[in-house]
Amino acid sequence: MSTSIDFSSTTLANALYDSSHQELELDFRDGSRYVYSGVSPDLFQGLLVAPSKGRFFNERLRGRLPFRRLHET
């Protein structure tokens, strides 16, 4: 099951979470797109409720999980 969320963040535009594969696809405001692997449902929920999506990303996702860059949006 996949969940798509739009953000009103200065860093993140939107996210698509695939719970069956624990993958999180993030679209950034600069047009870049990445997929992060090994994102638990709890970690995704933490992103959703974080007051600052960019800060949460930098503290909990960036440099901590395997990722791959996708095409520009």
N, C-alpha and C. Protein backbone atom coordinates (compact mmCIF):
# COMPACT_ATOMS: atom_id res chain seq x y z
N MET A 1 0.84 -1.18 0.00
CA MET A 1 0.00 0.00 0.00
C MET A 1 0.88 1.24 0.00
N SER A 2 0.54 2.22 -0.83
CA SER A 2 1.30 3.46 -0.92
C SER A 2 0.47 4.63 -0.42
N THR A 3 1.16 5.56 0.22
CA THR A 3 0.52 6.77 0.73
C THR A 3 1.27 7.96 0.17
N SER A 4 0.56 8.89 -0.45
CA SER A 4 1.16 10.11 -1.00
C SER A 4 0.71 11.31 -0.18
N ILE A 5 1.67 12.16 0.17
CA ILE A 5 1.41 13.32 1.02
C ILE A 5 2.09 14.54 0.41
N ASP A 6 1.38 15.66 0.31
CA ASP A 6 1.98 16.94 -0.07
C ASP A 6 2.36 17.69 1.19
N PHE A 7 3.52 18.38 1.14
CA PHE A 7 4.00 19.13 2.30
C PHE A 7 3.98 20.62 2.02
N SER A 8 3.78 21.40 3.05
CA SER A 8 3.95 22.85 2.97
C SER A 8 5.28 23.20 3.63
N SER A 9 6.32 22.53 3.17
CA SER A 9 7.67 22.68 3.72
C SER A 9 8.52 23.47 2.73
N THR A 10 9.49 24.19 3.23
CA THR A 10 10.40 24.91 2.34
C THR A 10 11.42 23.97 1.70
N THR A 11 11.59 22.77 2.25
CA THR A 11 12.56 21.80 1.75
C THR A 11 11.90 20.69 0.94
N LEU A 12 10.85 20.09 1.48
CA LEU A 12 10.19 18.94 0.86
C LEU A 12 8.87 19.33 0.22
N ALA A 13 8.67 18.87 -1.02
CA ALA A 13 7.42 19.15 -1.73
C ALA A 13 6.38 18.08 -1.43
N ASN A 14 6.78 16.81 -1.55
CA ASN A 14 5.85 15.74 -1.25
C ASN A 14 6.59 14.43 -1.02
N ALA A 15 5.82 13.45 -0.55
CA ALA A 15 6.38 12.14 -0.23
C ALA A 15 5.41 11.06 -0.69
N LEU A 16 5.97 9.96 -1.11
CA LEU A 16 5.19 8.77 -1.45
C LEU A 16 5.80 7.62 -0.67
N TYR A 17 5.02 7.02 0.22
CA TYR A 17 5.53 5.95 1.08
C TYR A 17 4.90 4.64 0.68
N ASP A 18 5.73 3.64 0.43
CA ASP A 18 5.29 2.28 0.12
C ASP A 18 5.57 1.42 1.34
N SER A 19 4.52 1.14 2.12
CA SER A 19 4.69 0.41 3.36
C SER A 19 5.10 -1.04 3.14
N SER A 20 4.67 -1.64 2.04
CA SER A 20 5.01 -3.05 1.80
C SER A 20 6.50 -3.24 1.50
N HIS A 21 7.14 -2.22 0.94
CA HIS A 21 8.59 -2.29 0.65
C HIS A 21 9.41 -1.39 1.56
N GLN A 22 8.74 -0.66 2.43
CA GLN A 22 9.38 0.31 3.34
C GLN A 22 10.29 1.25 2.56
N GLU A 23 9.74 1.82 1.48
CA GLU A 23 10.46 2.80 0.67
C GLU A 23 9.74 4.13 0.72
N LEU A 24 10.53 5.19 0.82
CA LEU A 24 10.01 6.54 0.89
C LEU A 24 10.60 7.34 -0.27
N GLU A 25 9.73 7.79 -1.16
CA GLU A 25 10.16 8.64 -2.26
C GLU A 25 9.88 10.08 -1.86
N LEU A 26 10.92 10.90 -1.93
CA LEU A 26 10.80 12.30 -1.54
C LEU A 26 11.09 13.20 -2.73
N ASP A 27 10.19 14.17 -2.97
CA ASP A 27 10.41 15.22 -3.95
C ASP A 27 10.78 16.48 -3.18
N PHE A 28 11.90 17.06 -3.58
CA PHE A 28 12.40 18.27 -2.93
C PHE A 28 11.99 19.50 -3.73
N ARG A 29 11.93 20.64 -3.07
CA ARG A 29 11.54 21.89 -3.71
C ARG A 29 12.49 22.28 -4.85
N ASP A 30 13.73 21.82 -4.79
CA ASP A 30 14.69 22.15 -5.86
C ASP A 30 14.52 21.27 -7.10
N GLY A 31 13.52 20.35 -7.07
CA GLY A 31 13.26 19.50 -8.21
C GLY A 31 13.91 18.13 -8.14
N SER A 32 14.76 17.89 -7.16
CA SER A 32 15.39 16.58 -7.05
C SER A 32 14.43 15.58 -6.41
N ARG A 33 14.66 14.30 -6.72
CA ARG A 33 13.80 13.22 -6.23
C ARG A 33 14.68 12.05 -5.80
N TYR A 34 14.42 11.53 -4.62
CA TYR A 34 15.18 10.42 -4.07
C TYR A 34 14.24 9.37 -3.50
N VAL A 35 14.71 8.12 -3.49
CA VAL A 35 14.00 7.04 -2.82
C VAL A 35 14.89 6.51 -1.71
N TYR A 36 14.35 6.46 -0.50
CA TYR A 36 15.06 5.96 0.67
C TYR A 36 14.50 4.58 1.03
N SER A 37 15.39 3.63 1.30
CA SER A 37 15.01 2.26 1.64
C SER A 37 15.13 2.03 3.14
N GLY A 38 14.33 1.09 3.64
CA GLY A 38 14.39 0.74 5.05
C GLY A 38 13.70 1.73 5.95
N VAL A 39 12.72 2.45 5.41
CA VAL A 39 11.98 3.45 6.20
C VAL A 39 10.80 2.74 6.89
N SER A 40 10.90 2.61 8.18
CA SER A 40 9.83 1.93 8.94
C SER A 40 8.57 2.79 8.95
N PRO A 41 7.43 2.17 9.17
CA PRO A 41 6.19 2.95 9.29
C PRO A 41 6.27 4.01 10.40
N ASP A 42 6.94 3.68 11.50
CA ASP A 42 7.09 4.65 12.59
C ASP A 42 7.91 5.87 12.16
N LEU A 43 8.96 5.61 11.39
CA LEU A 43 9.80 6.71 10.91
C LEU A 43 9.00 7.59 9.95
N PHE A 44 8.22 6.99 9.07
CA PHE A 44 7.37 7.76 8.17
C PHE A 44 6.35 8.58 8.95
N GLN A 45 5.73 7.99 9.95
CA GLN A 45 4.77 8.73 10.78
C GLN A 45 5.44 9.90 11.49
N GLY A 46 6.69 9.69 11.92
CA GLY A 46 7.43 10.77 12.54
C GLY A 46 7.61 11.95 11.60
N LEU A 47 7.89 11.66 10.33
CA LEU A 47 8.02 12.72 9.33
C LEU A 47 6.70 13.46 9.17
N LEU A 48 5.62 12.73 9.13
CA LEU A 48 4.31 13.36 8.93
C LEU A 48 3.94 14.32 10.06
N VAL A 49 4.29 14.00 11.29
CA VAL A 49 3.90 14.84 12.43
C VAL A 49 4.98 15.85 12.83
N ALA A 50 6.14 15.78 12.21
CA ALA A 50 7.23 16.70 12.56
C ALA A 50 6.85 18.14 12.23
N PRO A 51 7.10 19.06 13.16
CA PRO A 51 6.81 20.47 12.89
C PRO A 51 7.65 21.01 11.73
N SER A 52 8.89 20.51 11.60
CA SER A 52 9.77 20.91 10.51
C SER A 52 10.16 19.66 9.73
N LYS A 53 9.61 19.52 8.53
CA LYS A 53 9.91 18.34 7.70
C LYS A 53 11.38 18.32 7.30
N GLY A 54 11.93 19.48 6.97
CA GLY A 54 13.34 19.56 6.58
C GLY A 54 14.28 19.18 7.72
N ARG A 55 13.99 19.65 8.90
CA ARG A 55 14.82 19.31 10.07
C ARG A 55 14.72 17.81 10.36
N PHE A 56 13.52 17.26 10.31
CA PHE A 56 13.34 15.82 10.54
C PHE A 56 14.13 15.03 9.51
N PHE A 57 14.03 15.43 8.25
CA PHE A 57 14.78 14.76 7.19
C PHE A 57 16.28 14.79 7.49
N ASN A 58 16.79 15.95 7.81
CA ASN A 58 18.23 16.08 8.07
C ASN A 58 18.69 15.29 9.29
N GLU A 59 17.86 15.22 10.31
CA GLU A 59 18.25 14.54 11.55
C GLU A 59 18.00 13.04 11.53
N ARG A 60 16.98 12.58 10.81
CA ARG A 60 16.58 11.17 10.92
C ARG A 60 16.75 10.35 9.64
N LEU A 61 16.82 10.99 8.48
CA LEU A 61 16.90 10.25 7.23
C LEU A 61 18.23 10.45 6.49
N ARG A 62 18.60 11.69 6.29
CA ARG A 62 19.79 12.03 5.49
C ARG A 62 21.04 11.37 6.07
N GLY A 63 21.73 10.62 5.21
CA GLY A 63 22.97 9.99 5.61
C GLY A 63 22.81 8.78 6.52
N ARG A 64 21.59 8.38 6.80
CA ARG A 64 21.35 7.26 7.72
C ARG A 64 20.76 6.03 7.03
N LEU A 65 20.16 6.22 5.86
CA LEU A 65 19.49 5.13 5.16
C LEU A 65 19.98 5.04 3.72
N PRO A 66 19.94 3.84 3.15
CA PRO A 66 20.31 3.70 1.73
C PRO A 66 19.34 4.50 0.86
N PHE A 67 19.85 5.10 -0.20
CA PHE A 67 18.99 5.89 -1.08
C PHE A 67 19.50 5.81 -2.51
N ARG A 68 18.64 6.22 -3.43
CA ARG A 68 19.05 6.38 -4.82
C ARG A 68 18.35 7.61 -5.37
N ARG A 69 19.03 8.29 -6.25
CA ARG A 69 18.47 9.49 -6.87
C ARG A 69 17.67 9.09 -8.10
N LEU A 70 16.51 9.69 -8.26
CA LEU A 70 15.67 9.47 -9.43
C LEU A 70 15.76 10.68 -10.34
N HIS A 71 15.01 10.66 -11.42
CA HIS A 71 14.98 11.78 -12.36
C HIS A 71 14.47 13.06 -11.70
N GLU A 72 14.77 14.17 -12.32
CA GLU A 72 14.28 15.46 -11.83
C GLU A 72 12.79 15.54 -12.04
N THR A 73 12.09 16.26 -11.16
CA THR A 73 10.63 16.44 -11.31
C THR A 73 10.34 17.63 -12.18
